[in-house]
């Protein structure tokens, strides 16, 4: 769709890289629904593998989405499950792993961890790439998110970031969220614009 988005002030369109790699195809189609499937790494604590696949299927069906491309951040949990879900349906997957070791760019917040130096903002940076990639390709971009709440009832910060970005870039009507974990039914509307409860 190539339209200028509100995200342009945060991340110029020409700063959105191509996917690092594509699964299930040599390339992605030019049209259709580009669907980010994202969520909490801790979803694997809440669901069995088949349960997570069923949850993704349920949210996709309830949202009335027909993905032609799945966009993945390649993290453990929902991202990997989304890749598997797409693979089972021969849907191409555009993969955007977080550039943790890229500490030389101007936005980097360099920290030291058990594996050495890393960019603490690599996850949010990757989320911006995914949101803008979904917005700028195909006929429409959509987010399917499984948001896990921890034992204190707090939502995953990384998934909340992805939801907020996609609300801005794709519009509320293209963001579908399914809560899991210690969810008490009281969700702030500024975190989850559209709730799908499979």
Protein backbone atom coordinates (compact mmCIF):
# COMPACT_ATOMS: atom_id res chain seq x y z
CA UNK A 1 0.00 0.00 0.00
CA UNK A 2 3.09 2.25 0.24
CA UNK A 3 1.34 5.09 2.07
CA UNK A 4 3.22 7.36 4.41
CA UNK A 5 2.48 6.34 7.98
CA UNK A 6 2.56 8.06 11.33
CA UNK A 7 5.58 5.84 12.05
CA UNK A 8 7.66 7.83 9.51
CA UNK A 9 8.60 10.31 12.24
CA UNK A 10 9.99 7.45 14.32
CA UNK A 11 11.46 5.27 11.60
CA UNK A 12 11.76 6.57 8.03
CA UNK A 13 10.44 4.11 5.41
CA UNK A 14 13.85 3.71 3.79
CA UNK A 15 15.20 2.49 7.14
CA UNK A 16 13.04 -0.64 7.04
CA UNK A 17 15.31 -3.46 5.91
CA UNK A 18 14.21 -6.39 3.82
CA UNK A 19 13.51 -9.51 5.87
CA UNK A 20 16.74 -11.22 6.92
CA UNK A 21 15.38 -14.43 5.43
CA UNK A 22 12.14 -15.88 4.11
CA UNK A 23 10.76 -19.31 4.96
CA UNK A 24 8.46 -21.42 2.78
CA UNK A 25 9.07 -19.42 -0.40
CA UNK A 26 11.76 -17.81 -2.55
CA UNK A 27 10.03 -14.46 -2.17
CA UNK A 28 6.90 -12.94 -0.73
CA UNK A 29 3.89 -12.02 -2.88
CA UNK A 30 3.33 -8.36 -3.72
CA UNK A 31 -0.27 -8.28 -2.52
CA UNK A 32 -2.53 -9.79 0.10
CA UNK A 33 -2.58 -9.55 3.88
CA UNK A 34 0.80 -9.16 5.54
CA UNK A 35 0.23 -10.53 9.05
CA UNK A 36 2.51 -10.05 12.02
CA UNK A 37 2.08 -12.97 14.44
CA UNK A 38 3.71 -11.94 17.68
CA UNK A 39 3.46 -12.47 21.37
CA UNK A 40 5.06 -13.27 24.63
CA UNK A 41 7.96 -15.68 24.95
CA UNK A 42 6.29 -17.00 28.08
CA UNK A 43 3.33 -18.27 26.05
CA UNK A 44 5.04 -21.66 26.06
CA UNK A 45 4.44 -21.71 29.85
CA UNK A 46 0.72 -21.22 29.23
CA UNK A 47 0.15 -23.50 26.23
CA UNK A 48 1.33 -26.81 24.85
CA UNK A 49 2.67 -26.63 21.28
CA UNK A 50 -0.66 -27.80 19.88
CA UNK A 51 -2.54 -25.46 22.22
CA UNK A 52 -0.57 -22.48 20.96
CA UNK A 53 -1.23 -23.53 17.36
CA UNK A 54 -4.93 -23.81 18.17
CA UNK A 55 -4.93 -20.35 19.80
CA UNK A 56 -3.30 -18.77 16.72
CA UNK A 57 -5.82 -20.50 14.43
CA UNK A 58 -8.71 -19.36 16.62
CA UNK A 59 -7.57 -15.72 16.69
CA UNK A 60 -6.92 -15.67 12.92
CA UNK A 61 -10.36 -17.17 12.26
CA UNK A 62 -12.18 -14.91 14.75
CA UNK A 63 -10.45 -11.87 13.24
CA UNK A 64 -11.47 -12.91 9.73
CA UNK A 65 -7.88 -12.65 8.52
CA UNK A 66 -6.51 -14.62 5.56
CA UNK A 67 -2.71 -14.21 5.80
CA UNK A 68 -0.76 -14.35 2.56
CA UNK A 69 2.51 -13.56 4.36
CA UNK A 70 3.36 -14.02 8.04
CA UNK A 71 5.90 -11.65 9.58
CA UNK A 72 7.96 -13.05 12.46
CA UNK A 73 10.39 -11.59 14.96
CA UNK A 74 11.83 -15.13 15.33
CA UNK A 75 11.75 -15.11 19.15
CA UNK A 76 10.85 -18.17 21.20
CA UNK A 77 7.19 -18.62 22.03
CA UNK A 78 4.49 -17.09 19.85
CA UNK A 79 6.86 -15.93 17.08
CA UNK A 80 8.19 -19.45 16.50
CA UNK A 81 4.68 -20.88 16.80
CA UNK A 82 3.51 -18.41 14.15
CA UNK A 83 6.28 -19.57 11.84
CA UNK A 84 5.22 -23.19 12.38
CA UNK A 85 1.56 -22.26 11.88
CA UNK A 86 2.43 -20.59 8.56
CA UNK A 87 4.65 -23.50 7.49
CA UNK A 88 1.78 -25.94 8.04
CA UNK A 89 -0.23 -23.85 5.56
CA UNK A 90 2.55 -23.14 3.03
CA UNK A 91 2.41 -19.42 3.82
CA UNK A 92 5.68 -17.50 3.29
CA UNK A 93 7.28 -16.13 6.47
CA UNK A 94 9.30 -12.90 6.40
CA UNK A 95 11.74 -13.12 9.31
CA UNK A 96 13.11 -10.15 11.25
CA UNK A 97 15.36 -11.35 14.07
CA UNK A 98 16.28 -8.65 16.58
CA UNK A 99 19.76 -7.24 15.84
CA UNK A 100 21.07 -7.67 19.40
CA UNK A 101 24.75 -7.53 18.39
CA UNK A 102 24.41 -4.39 16.23
CA UNK A 103 25.71 -1.86 18.74
CA UNK A 104 27.28 0.62 16.31
CA UNK A 105 24.19 2.52 15.15
CA UNK A 106 23.10 5.84 16.65
CA UNK A 107 19.99 4.47 18.40
CA UNK A 108 21.88 1.71 20.23
CA UNK A 109 21.71 1.51 23.99
CA UNK A 110 24.72 -0.68 24.66
CA UNK A 111 24.67 -2.94 27.69
CA UNK A 112 26.85 -5.79 28.85
CA UNK A 113 25.27 -9.20 29.41
CA UNK A 114 26.35 -12.79 29.84
CA UNK A 115 27.08 -13.03 26.10
CA UNK A 116 28.89 -9.70 25.84
CA UNK A 117 27.73 -6.32 24.54
CA UNK A 118 24.26 -5.97 23.09
CA UNK A 119 21.78 -3.30 22.03
CA UNK A 120 19.07 -3.14 24.71
CA UNK A 121 16.70 -1.53 22.18
CA UNK A 122 17.13 -4.21 19.51
CA UNK A 123 13.71 -5.72 20.25
CA UNK A 124 11.75 -2.45 19.87
CA UNK A 125 13.84 -1.60 16.78
CA UNK A 126 12.92 -4.94 15.21
CA UNK A 127 9.26 -4.38 16.17
CA UNK A 128 9.30 -1.08 14.25
CA UNK A 129 10.71 -2.82 11.19
CA UNK A 130 7.98 -5.47 11.35
CA UNK A 131 5.15 -2.95 11.80
CA UNK A 132 6.31 -0.76 8.94
CA UNK A 133 7.00 -3.78 6.71
CA UNK A 134 3.40 -4.92 7.27
CA UNK A 135 2.11 -1.41 6.55
CA UNK A 136 4.14 -0.85 3.40
CA UNK A 137 3.59 -4.19 1.66
CA UNK A 138 0.58 -6.06 0.40
CA UNK A 139 -2.97 -4.77 0.45
CA UNK A 140 -3.19 -4.46 4.23
CA UNK A 141 -1.17 -5.18 7.34
CA UNK A 142 -2.56 -6.95 10.39
CA UNK A 143 -1.29 -7.90 13.84
CA UNK A 144 -2.30 -11.12 15.56
CA UNK A 145 -0.92 -10.95 19.12
CA UNK A 146 -1.07 -13.32 22.05
CA UNK A 147 -0.42 -11.20 25.11
CA UNK A 148 0.58 -13.08 28.26
CA UNK A 149 0.02 -11.45 31.65
CA UNK A 150 2.48 -12.39 34.40
CA UNK A 151 1.67 -13.54 37.94
CA UNK A 152 1.14 -9.89 38.98
CA UNK A 153 -1.31 -9.24 36.14
CA UNK A 154 1.18 -7.15 34.14
CA UNK A 155 1.27 -7.63 30.36
CA UNK A 156 4.44 -8.54 28.47
CA UNK A 157 6.29 -5.30 27.69
CA UNK A 158 7.65 -6.46 24.32
CA UNK A 159 4.25 -7.60 23.09
CA UNK A 160 2.63 -4.41 24.43
CA UNK A 161 5.21 -2.42 22.44
CA UNK A 162 4.32 -4.35 19.28
CA UNK A 163 0.61 -3.75 19.89
CA UNK A 164 1.13 -0.01 20.38
CA UNK A 165 3.28 0.26 17.24
CA UNK A 166 0.77 -1.63 15.12
CA UNK A 167 -2.13 0.43 16.46
CA UNK A 168 -0.28 3.52 15.25
CA UNK A 169 0.93 2.13 11.94
CA UNK A 170 -1.84 -0.28 10.91
CA UNK A 171 -4.83 1.19 12.75
CA UNK A 172 -6.88 -0.23 15.62
CA UNK A 173 -9.16 -2.16 13.28
CA UNK A 174 -6.19 -4.26 12.10
CA UNK A 175 -4.89 -5.22 15.56
CA UNK A 176 -6.24 -8.41 17.17
CA UNK A 177 -5.11 -9.42 20.64
CA UNK A 178 -5.80 -12.54 22.64
CA UNK A 179 -4.95 -12.32 26.36
CA UNK A 180 -3.50 -15.26 28.29
CA UNK A 181 -1.91 -15.97 31.64
CA UNK A 182 -2.93 -14.04 34.73
CA UNK A 183 -5.53 -11.99 32.86
CA UNK A 184 -8.34 -10.69 35.07
CA UNK A 185 -10.64 -9.35 32.38
CA UNK A 186 -9.79 -5.71 33.00
CA UNK A 187 -7.68 -4.64 30.08
CA UNK A 188 -6.73 -1.03 29.58
CA UNK A 189 -7.97 0.19 26.20
CA UNK A 190 -4.68 1.95 25.59
CA UNK A 191 -2.93 -1.44 25.55
CA UNK A 192 -5.42 -3.58 23.64
CA UNK A 193 -7.73 -1.94 21.12
CA UNK A 194 -9.40 -5.10 19.82
CA UNK A 195 -9.69 -8.17 22.01
CA UNK A 196 -10.32 -11.60 20.59
CA UNK A 197 -11.07 -14.29 23.14
CA UNK A 198 -10.89 -17.72 21.52
